[in-house]
Structures are given as structure tokens and as C-alpha cells.
Protein backbone atom coordinates (compact mmCIF):
# COMPACT_ATOMS: atom_id res chain seq x y z
CA MET A 1 -6.38 4.33 22.22
CA ARG A 2 -9.19 4.96 24.74
CA ALA A 3 -12.87 5.63 24.13
CA GLN A 4 -15.36 7.03 26.62
CA ARG A 5 -17.96 4.62 27.97
CA GLY A 6 -20.92 4.27 25.68
CA LYS A 7 -19.00 5.64 22.70
CA THR A 8 -17.98 3.82 19.54
CA CYS A 9 -14.44 3.29 18.27
CA PRO A 10 -12.88 4.32 14.94
CA LEU A 11 -13.50 1.87 12.08
CA SER A 12 -16.35 0.33 14.13
CA THR A 13 -13.85 -1.72 16.13
CA CYS A 14 -14.85 -3.25 19.45
CA CYS A 15 -15.03 -0.99 22.51
CA SER A 16 -14.01 -3.00 25.57
CA GLU A 17 -15.53 -2.92 29.04
CA PHE A 18 -12.82 -0.45 30.05
CA GLY A 19 -13.25 1.83 27.03
CA PHE A 20 -10.36 0.62 24.88
CA CYS A 21 -10.58 -0.06 21.13
CA GLY A 22 -9.43 -3.28 19.48
CA THR A 23 -10.38 -6.38 17.52
CA THR A 24 -9.31 -9.33 19.70
CA ASN A 25 -11.10 -11.32 22.41
CA ASP A 26 -9.99 -8.85 25.07
CA PHE A 27 -12.00 -6.11 23.37
CA CYS A 28 -14.85 -7.90 21.59
CA THR A 29 -16.12 -10.29 24.29
CA GLY A 30 -16.95 -10.09 27.98
CA GLY A 31 -18.09 -6.59 28.84
CA CYS A 32 -17.67 -5.20 25.32
CA GLN A 33 -19.73 -2.01 24.95
CA SER A 34 -20.19 -1.58 21.19
CA ASN A 35 -19.41 -3.17 17.81
CA CYS A 36 -18.80 -6.46 19.62
CA VAL A 37 -18.04 -8.61 16.56
CA LEU A 38 -14.83 -10.60 16.78
CA SER A 39 -14.38 -11.57 13.10
CA PRO A 40 -16.82 -9.69 10.88
CA PRO A 41 -17.74 -11.25 7.53
CA PRO A 42 -17.75 -9.26 4.29
CA PRO A 43 -20.86 -7.14 3.76
CA GLU A 44 -23.93 -8.97 2.48
CA GLY A 45 -24.09 -9.31 -1.28
CA SER A 46 -20.32 -9.62 -1.69
CA PRO A 47 -19.24 -11.92 -4.54
CA LYS A 48 -17.68 -15.28 -3.79
CA ASN A 49 -15.31 -17.45 -5.81
CA LYS A 50 -14.97 -14.88 -8.56
CA ALA A 51 -11.96 -14.49 -10.82
CA LEU A 52 -9.70 -11.47 -10.55
CA ASN A 53 -10.90 -8.65 -12.75
CA ARG A 54 -8.17 -6.13 -11.86
CA VAL A 55 -4.45 -6.73 -11.82
CA ILE A 56 -2.52 -3.53 -11.18
CA GLY A 57 1.23 -3.28 -11.48
CA TYR A 58 3.36 -0.39 -10.25
CA TYR A 59 6.20 0.96 -12.34
CA GLU A 60 8.76 2.62 -10.05
CA SER A 61 10.21 5.62 -11.84
CA TRP A 62 13.57 5.31 -10.05
CA SER A 63 14.14 1.88 -11.60
CA TYR A 64 14.70 3.70 -14.91
CA ARG A 65 18.02 5.03 -13.60
CA SER A 66 19.01 2.14 -11.32
CA LYS A 67 22.74 1.35 -11.40
CA CYS A 68 21.87 -2.25 -12.26
CA ASN A 69 18.81 -4.17 -13.45
CA GLN A 70 17.37 -1.04 -14.99
CA LYS A 71 13.76 -1.31 -16.07
CA ALA A 72 11.86 0.75 -18.60
CA PRO A 73 8.06 0.85 -18.51
CA SER A 74 7.95 -1.42 -21.56
CA ASP A 75 9.83 -4.11 -19.56
CA MET A 76 6.79 -4.70 -17.34
CA PRO A 77 4.65 -7.85 -17.93
CA LEU A 78 2.08 -5.70 -19.68
CA SER A 79 0.00 -8.53 -21.11
CA GLU A 80 -0.77 -9.72 -17.57
CA LEU A 81 -2.04 -6.35 -16.35
CA THR A 82 -5.31 -4.47 -16.54
CA HIS A 83 -3.75 -1.33 -15.07
CA LEU A 84 -0.25 0.13 -14.73
CA ASN A 85 0.39 2.77 -12.07
CA TYR A 86 3.33 5.14 -12.55
CA ALA A 87 4.96 5.67 -9.14
CA PHE A 88 5.30 8.43 -8.23
CA ALA A 89 4.45 11.92 -9.36
CA PHE A 90 4.99 14.74 -6.89
CA ILE A 91 3.16 18.07 -6.64
CA SER A 92 4.70 21.49 -7.19
CA THR A 93 4.69 23.45 -3.93
CA ASP A 94 3.56 26.69 -5.59
CA SER A 95 1.48 25.79 -8.66
CA TYR A 96 0.00 22.44 -7.48
CA GLU A 97 0.96 20.93 -10.84
CA LEU A 98 2.09 17.32 -11.17
CA ILE A 99 5.86 17.01 -11.52
CA THR A 100 8.49 14.27 -11.39
CA MET A 101 9.84 13.13 -8.02
CA ASP A 102 13.18 14.87 -8.51
CA SER A 103 15.44 16.47 -11.09
CA LYS A 104 17.02 13.10 -11.91
CA THR A 105 13.74 11.75 -13.25
CA PRO A 106 13.01 12.96 -16.80
CA GLU A 107 9.54 14.30 -17.54
CA SER A 108 9.57 12.14 -20.67
CA LEU A 109 9.13 9.09 -18.43
CA PHE A 110 5.47 10.05 -17.99
CA LYS A 111 4.91 9.66 -21.73
CA LEU A 112 7.05 6.52 -21.96
CA THR A 113 4.85 4.90 -19.34
CA VAL A 114 1.63 5.87 -21.11
CA ASP A 115 3.07 4.60 -24.40
CA THR A 116 3.04 1.04 -23.01
CA LYS A 117 -0.60 0.92 -24.10
CA LYS A 118 0.59 0.16 -27.62
CA TYR A 119 1.69 -3.27 -26.34
CA ASN A 120 -1.65 -3.87 -24.60
CA PRO A 121 -4.43 -1.69 -26.05
CA SER A 122 -6.81 -2.52 -23.19
CA LEU A 123 -4.28 -1.39 -20.55
CA LYS A 124 -5.17 1.62 -18.42
CA VAL A 125 -2.25 3.73 -17.18
CA TYR A 126 -2.68 5.76 -13.99
CA VAL A 127 -0.34 8.18 -12.26
CA ALA A 128 0.15 7.56 -8.53
CA VAL A 129 0.67 10.84 -6.69
CA GLY A 130 2.45 11.08 -3.35
CA GLY A 131 3.97 7.99 -1.76
CA LEU A 132 5.88 7.49 1.46
CA THR A 133 8.77 9.91 0.90
CA PHE A 134 6.41 12.65 -0.30
CA SER A 135 4.99 12.86 3.23
CA ASP A 136 8.20 12.21 5.16
CA ASN A 137 8.84 14.44 8.15
CA GLY A 138 11.02 17.43 7.40
CA THR A 139 10.23 17.59 3.67
CA VAL A 140 8.73 20.59 1.89
CA THR A 141 6.15 18.30 0.31
CA GLN A 142 4.74 16.84 3.54
CA PRO A 143 2.20 19.65 4.19
CA LEU A 144 1.03 19.85 0.57
CA LEU A 145 -1.91 17.44 0.55
CA SER A 146 -3.23 18.93 3.79
CA GLU A 147 -2.85 22.40 2.29
CA ILE A 148 -4.50 21.46 -1.00
CA SER A 149 -7.41 19.73 0.73
CA ARG A 150 -8.07 22.58 3.17
CA THR A 151 -9.99 24.98 0.89
CA GLU A 152 -12.26 24.59 -2.13
CA ALA A 153 -10.10 27.04 -4.08
CA ASN A 154 -7.00 24.91 -3.52
CA ARG A 155 -8.89 21.69 -4.24
CA GLN A 156 -10.20 23.06 -7.53
CA LYS A 157 -6.80 24.44 -8.54
CA PHE A 158 -5.24 21.02 -7.98
CA ALA A 159 -8.05 19.17 -9.77
CA ASP A 160 -7.79 21.46 -12.82
CA ASN A 161 -4.04 20.89 -12.97
CA VAL A 162 -4.51 17.13 -12.69
CA VAL A 163 -6.86 17.14 -15.69
CA LYS A 164 -4.31 19.19 -17.65
CA SER A 165 -1.65 16.57 -16.85
CA MET A 166 -4.00 13.74 -17.81
CA ASN A 167 -4.55 15.38 -21.19
CA ARG A 168 -0.90 16.36 -21.70
CA TYR A 169 0.56 12.92 -21.05
CA GLY A 170 -2.40 10.65 -21.76
CA PHE A 171 -2.89 9.11 -18.31
CA ASP A 172 -6.24 7.38 -17.78
CA GLY A 173 -6.58 8.18 -14.09
CA ILE A 174 -4.97 9.12 -10.81
CA ASP A 175 -4.21 7.28 -7.58
CA ILE A 176 -3.82 9.45 -4.47
CA ASP A 177 -1.27 7.90 -2.11
CA TRP A 178 -1.39 10.14 0.98
CA GLU A 179 0.73 8.63 3.78
CA TYR A 180 -1.10 9.58 5.98
CA PRO A 181 -3.92 12.10 6.52
CA GLY A 182 -4.60 12.87 10.17
CA ALA A 183 -1.62 10.93 11.52
CA PRO A 184 0.21 13.20 14.01
CA ASP A 185 3.52 11.37 13.54
CA ARG A 186 3.37 12.09 9.79
CA GLY A 187 2.39 15.76 9.93
CA GLY A 188 -1.32 15.02 9.76
CA LYS A 189 -4.08 17.24 11.11
CA PRO A 190 -7.48 16.19 12.52
CA GLU A 191 -9.34 17.99 9.74
CA ASP A 192 -7.47 15.98 7.08
CA THR A 193 -10.02 13.17 7.28
CA GLU A 194 -12.97 15.28 6.16
CA ASN A 195 -10.89 17.42 3.82
CA PHE A 196 -9.53 14.38 1.97
CA THR A 197 -13.10 13.33 1.19
CA LEU A 198 -13.82 16.85 -0.08
CA LEU A 199 -10.73 16.65 -2.30
CA MET A 200 -11.95 13.39 -3.82
CA LYS A 201 -15.37 14.96 -4.38
CA THR A 202 -13.78 17.88 -6.24
CA LEU A 203 -11.63 15.56 -8.32
CA ARG A 204 -14.64 13.46 -9.27
CA ARG A 205 -16.73 16.49 -10.22
CA THR A 206 -13.88 17.91 -12.31
CA PHE A 207 -13.15 14.57 -13.96
CA ASN A 208 -16.83 14.11 -14.82
CA ALA A 209 -16.78 17.46 -16.59
CA SER A 210 -13.87 16.30 -18.74
CA PRO A 211 -14.63 14.68 -22.11
CA ARG A 212 -12.41 11.73 -21.14
CA GLN A 213 -13.51 9.02 -18.70
CA LEU A 214 -10.82 9.48 -16.07
CA GLY A 215 -10.47 7.13 -13.10
CA ILE A 216 -9.85 7.98 -9.45
CA THR A 217 -8.42 5.62 -6.84
CA PHE A 218 -6.66 6.00 -3.52
CA THR A 219 -4.25 3.95 -1.45
CA ILE A 220 -4.78 2.99 2.19
CA PRO A 221 -2.62 1.42 4.92
CA SER A 222 -3.42 -1.91 6.52
CA SER A 223 -2.66 -0.88 10.11
CA TYR A 224 -5.40 0.35 12.42
CA TRP A 225 -3.16 3.18 13.66
CA TYR A 226 -3.09 4.89 10.25
CA LEU A 227 -6.29 3.54 8.69
CA ARG A 228 -8.48 5.09 11.39
CA TRP A 229 -7.84 8.52 9.86
CA PHE A 230 -9.40 7.49 6.53
CA ASP A 231 -13.18 7.70 6.02
CA VAL A 232 -13.02 4.90 3.47
CA PRO A 233 -16.77 4.59 2.76
CA ALA A 234 -17.00 8.35 2.14
CA LEU A 235 -13.94 8.33 -0.11
CA LEU A 236 -15.37 5.44 -2.13
CA LYS A 237 -18.41 7.53 -3.01
CA TYR A 238 -16.11 9.38 -5.40
CA ALA A 239 -13.35 6.83 -6.12
CA ASP A 240 -13.53 3.68 -8.23
CA TRP A 241 -11.62 1.51 -5.74
CA THR A 242 -8.89 1.57 -3.12
CA ASN A 243 -5.49 -0.14 -3.04
CA LEU A 244 -4.66 -1.79 0.29
CA MET A 245 -0.97 -1.70 1.28
CA SER A 246 -0.96 -5.24 2.66
CA TYR A 247 2.84 -5.38 2.52
CA ASP A 248 5.68 -3.80 4.51
CA LEU A 249 3.81 -4.89 7.62
CA HIS A 250 7.16 -5.53 9.30
CA GLY A 251 10.75 -4.45 8.80
CA THR A 252 13.77 -3.06 10.61
CA TRP A 253 11.57 -0.25 11.94
CA ASP A 254 10.17 -2.88 14.34
CA ARG A 255 13.32 -2.57 16.46
CA ASN A 256 11.40 -0.24 18.76
CA ASN A 257 8.29 -2.42 18.86
CA PRO A 258 6.95 -2.90 22.43
CA ILE A 259 6.86 -6.67 21.88
CA GLY A 260 10.54 -6.64 20.93
CA ALA A 261 12.72 -6.50 17.83
CA ILE A 262 11.62 -9.75 16.20
CA ALA A 263 11.95 -10.87 12.59
CA GLN A 264 8.60 -11.26 10.87
CA ALA A 265 7.38 -11.52 7.29
CA HIS A 266 6.57 -8.14 5.77
CA ALA A 267 3.53 -9.69 4.06
CA ASN A 268 1.57 -11.98 6.33
CA LEU A 269 -1.71 -13.59 5.37
CA THR A 270 -3.04 -13.59 8.93
CA GLU A 271 -2.46 -9.86 9.28
CA ILE A 272 -3.87 -9.17 5.82
CA LYS A 273 -7.08 -10.94 6.83
CA LEU A 274 -7.30 -8.73 9.93
CA ALA A 275 -6.80 -5.65 7.75
CA THR A 276 -9.63 -6.62 5.40
CA GLU A 277 -11.88 -7.21 8.41
CA LEU A 278 -11.33 -3.58 9.43
CA LEU A 279 -12.83 -2.65 6.08
CA TRP A 280 -15.73 -5.10 6.38
CA ARG A 281 -16.58 -3.41 9.70
CA VAL A 282 -17.36 -0.13 7.94
CA GLY A 283 -19.24 -1.69 5.04
CA VAL A 284 -16.56 -1.61 2.35
CA LYS A 285 -17.25 -4.30 -0.25
CA PRO A 286 -14.50 -6.68 -1.41
CA GLU A 287 -14.92 -5.65 -5.04
CA GLN A 288 -13.88 -2.12 -4.02
CA ILE A 289 -10.46 -3.30 -2.79
CA ASN A 290 -7.21 -4.32 -4.44
CA ILE A 291 -5.03 -6.46 -2.19
CA GLY A 292 -1.33 -5.59 -2.40
CA PHE A 293 1.11 -8.48 -2.83
CA GLY A 294 4.83 -7.69 -2.67
CA PHE A 295 7.34 -10.21 -4.03
CA TYR A 296 10.44 -8.46 -2.71
CA GLY A 297 11.78 -9.27 0.75
CA ARG A 298 12.42 -7.53 4.05
CA SER A 299 15.65 -8.81 5.56
CA PHE A 300 17.22 -8.91 9.01
CA GLU A 301 20.44 -9.79 10.78
CA LEU A 302 19.45 -12.24 13.50
CA SER A 303 20.66 -11.77 17.06
CA ASN A 304 21.06 -15.51 17.64
CA PRO A 305 22.03 -17.77 14.70
CA SER A 306 20.41 -20.73 16.44
CA CYS A 307 17.01 -19.00 16.42
CA THR A 308 15.92 -18.66 12.79
CA LYS A 309 12.12 -18.89 12.69
CA PRO A 310 9.72 -15.96 12.39
CA GLY A 311 9.52 -14.35 15.81
CA CYS A 312 13.22 -14.67 16.57
CA PRO A 313 15.06 -11.50 17.68
CA PHE A 314 17.05 -9.38 15.24
CA LYS A 315 19.70 -6.72 15.80
CA GLY A 316 19.46 -4.85 12.51
CA GLY A 317 18.97 -5.12 8.78
CA ALA A 318 20.67 -7.81 6.72
CA ARG A 319 23.50 -6.91 4.37
CA PRO A 320 22.47 -4.71 1.42
CA GLY A 321 21.87 -6.32 -1.95
CA LEU A 322 24.33 -5.55 -4.73
CA CYS A 323 21.73 -3.61 -6.69
CA SER A 324 19.16 -2.40 -4.17
CA ASP A 325 22.07 -1.27 -1.96
CA THR A 326 19.84 -0.86 1.10
CA SER A 327 20.14 -2.78 4.35
CA GLY A 328 16.86 -4.44 5.32
CA VAL A 329 15.43 -5.01 1.85
CA LEU A 330 16.22 -7.41 -0.99
CA MET A 331 14.66 -7.40 -4.43
CA TYR A 332 13.23 -10.68 -5.72
CA TYR A 333 16.02 -11.17 -8.26
CA GLU A 334 18.63 -10.59 -5.51
CA ILE A 335 17.00 -13.31 -3.41
CA GLN A 336 17.08 -15.66 -6.39
CA ALA A 337 20.78 -14.90 -6.88
CA ILE A 338 21.50 -15.85 -3.25
CA LEU A 339 19.62 -19.12 -3.75
CA ARG A 340 21.79 -19.92 -6.76
CA GLN A 341 25.05 -18.97 -5.06
CA VAL A 342 24.66 -20.69 -1.68
CA ASN A 343 24.93 -24.45 -1.98
CA GLY A 344 22.14 -26.39 -0.32
CA LEU A 345 20.12 -23.32 0.60
CA ARG A 346 16.41 -24.09 0.67
CA PRO A 347 13.66 -21.63 1.59
CA VAL A 348 11.11 -22.65 4.20
CA GLN A 349 7.43 -22.28 3.34
CA ASP A 350 5.42 -20.70 6.14
CA GLU A 351 2.01 -22.15 5.31
CA LYS A 352 0.07 -20.01 7.78
CA ALA A 353 1.56 -16.73 6.58
CA ALA A 354 1.70 -17.95 2.93
CA VAL A 355 5.28 -16.67 2.52
CA LYS A 356 8.77 -18.12 2.32
CA TYR A 357 11.77 -17.35 4.49
CA MET A 358 15.39 -18.44 4.43
CA VAL A 359 18.63 -18.07 6.39
CA TRP A 360 22.16 -17.91 4.96
CA ASP A 361 25.60 -17.02 6.28
CA LYS A 362 24.41 -18.01 9.76
CA ASN A 363 22.47 -14.86 10.63
CA GLN A 364 21.12 -13.32 7.40
CA TRP A 365 17.32 -13.74 7.23
CA VAL A 366 14.74 -12.74 4.63
CA SER A 367 11.04 -13.40 4.04
CA TYR A 368 9.53 -13.00 0.59
CA GLY A 369 7.20 -14.34 -2.07
CA MET A 370 3.60 -14.08 -0.90
CA ARG A 371 1.62 -16.96 -2.46
CA ILE A 372 -1.19 -15.17 -4.25
CA ARG A 373 -3.49 -18.13 -4.85
CA SER A 374 -3.24 -19.32 -1.26
CA GLY A 375 -3.87 -15.79 -0.08
CA LEU A 376 -6.98 -15.32 -2.17
CA ARG A 377 -8.27 -18.75 -1.14
CA SER A 378 -7.90 -17.78 2.50
CA LEU A 379 -9.85 -14.58 1.85
CA GLY A 380 -12.61 -16.63 0.24
CA GLN A 381 -11.70 -15.45 -3.28
CA ILE A 382 -14.01 -12.51 -2.76
CA VAL A 383 -11.40 -9.83 -3.43
CA LEU A 384 -11.43 -9.11 -7.14
CA GLY A 385 -8.43 -6.80 -7.36
CA LEU A 386 -4.70 -7.36 -7.03
CA ALA A 387 -2.02 -4.66 -6.76
CA VAL A 388 1.67 -5.52 -7.17
CA PRO A 389 4.27 -2.96 -6.01
CA ASN A 390 7.91 -3.21 -7.10
CA LEU A 391 6.81 -4.93 -10.31
CA GLY A 392 9.80 -6.16 -12.26
CA ARG A 393 12.13 -5.77 -9.29
């Protein structure tokens, strides 16, 4: 991305001598024009060495009908959580009401998820709206959040329907997972950035008028490419916190990466640190963020069996797991099954990335298992929230 001389870059990143935006030495030193800070610290007044005060788990609605290892909401480790997010609700294209993802998902699953509060009375249950497939290209749902956010009438109609759903099913709040406003490769429009903030403002005003204390959160990407379309400080004026997708940083989609199709951990502590620094640049406080830690794995088929470390080339996804049935991804329990079945197989701990990786059957490679304590230590234990996708999988 290029910026005109004398102008600033999105997310207050460094503007190089030649007008390019970035966060490395090439951009932040030498003839850097603006925001010339290489590794920004958290904003002043941020807490240090504090214990986690939010642990959010995600219940994936499709796991209820999985062909194996089915999970009901009550199967989640509820005593360990402060919040449980139901993933995902979709939005009706005509009425803007919250609905299930598809006809295979029973509406009763909303209530079953909320009913988990009887096992942990202090648990708060939110409904996460949207998700990756909601905004996939070619879907009827992709334009919806742009459409809803565009006018005050649409924003209010949606907000009123959300409150009705909160009251009908008993949810304590909503998480908006828009992937991604403004991004041209995901159907985004330039005005999405401002309109998303207006949507959050309408939701907050409508929630405040409700007799219940309803929470509002939103989910953000960790990559600069997509994050630059979010006005995070403005959104946080109306939201309680944001959930950072610091997972799925790499996968088989990297086959078209300019640096080459190389196997890398999908959760990498070094890259997570860079993502949080993007937020520090715009004044977001650590206590406003939940860091996402994924325990599942992204898997590859290596091009050369003699090259097995992170950074080695791959030619595609590894073989599908018996239950997940998708090339390029393995659930945690599937990885554990491989470890039990393959004699002598030992995972390698990548200390710098704080993840494990292993190779079996010569060219099958997977990384998994982000070490939470190491990760928080590296971030200075200033992030007080933790979000765990694929919980129980």
C-alpha cells in the first residue's frame, strides 16, 4: 500500500521515505515520514502482570450434528469459562432477524446453549453473529452487514430484532463477527468502516434502553490487510471489548503467497505480538482485547520429506482427519490419536512461536497447541482476556 508524502498510514503504521506503509525497519527508520515507532509499547496506564479476568469459549453449532465426536453445549468446560459464545447465528436477508446458520441447525440449539448457565450461574452466554462463511464471496448473506449498516433505519431495525432475540432465548450479549468491512476481496465497501461504528452506536443505544444489561463485543482480524478497515478505537466507544483472531494466520491458502508455499504454524507468538502492536499504535488498551488461542492444527503435505521444519515448502493440505474430514485441518483430538497410533512419534516444541509441530508418514505435517502461559508471558501478561475457538474440538 502507498501513502502520499507527508500523509499518515492506516493504523498509525510507519510511512517510509518512499511513501509506503509498514512496521519493520525498512519503514520505521531512515527517512521515515510519520509514526516512526518500530515496536510501540502498550498505551500508558495499561495493567501489568494481572491475572486473566475473561476466558471466552466458542461453541460451534455444527459440532452438534458432527458425524463423530458430537458435542452439545453442556459438554463444554463450563466451570473454566466466564463467557460462552454461540457460533454462529446468521441474519435473515429480508427481516434482519437472527436465525440459525442453515436448516440443519435446530433453533432449539440457541436455548440449549443459554441453558448451560445452570451449570455455572456466573457464566455469560453471547451469540456470535456472522463468521467467515457468512461473508464468503457469492453468498446471499455477504452484502447483509454492509446493507444493515448503511442507513439508520436499517441499523435500528436490526438492533430491535437483536434485542427481541436476546429476550426470546436469554442471551446476555452479542458479538459481531464481520469478515471483513471495507475489504474489496470480501465484498467490502469504503463506507463500511464508518457505518460499522454507527451500527455499534445504534446497538449500544438500543441495548441501554433495554431493562437487561446486554453486552456488545466485536471480532477483529490480526492481519494489517484486513484490520486497517476497522476503526477499533471508535468501535470500542460502544463495545465492551474486542476478540482478536490471532489464529489461522497460515494455512493451505498460503500456496499463492509471494514468499512461496511454505508450511508455518497457524498460531505464531511472534506474529501475535506484531498484531497487538498494531492495536497499541491506535491507543487500544490491553484490557480491551481478548487474545484468541486455537488448539486445533493446520496441516500440510510437504513437498520434500527431508525438509520438515517450519518454513519448508508444501504442495497441499495433509490428509483429512477421520472426523473433521477436511484436508488442511486437524482437530486436537485427531492429533492426539495420531500420536497414539504412530510409534515413536514425538512433537517438536517451537519455543519462539510457542507451538508444537510434528511430521508422520514422511510428508504429513501439522502445527498445533499454542502454549497459553508462554504466550501471555511474552506479551507481558497485560492482556486480560482469552478467547478459545473450536472449544471441545
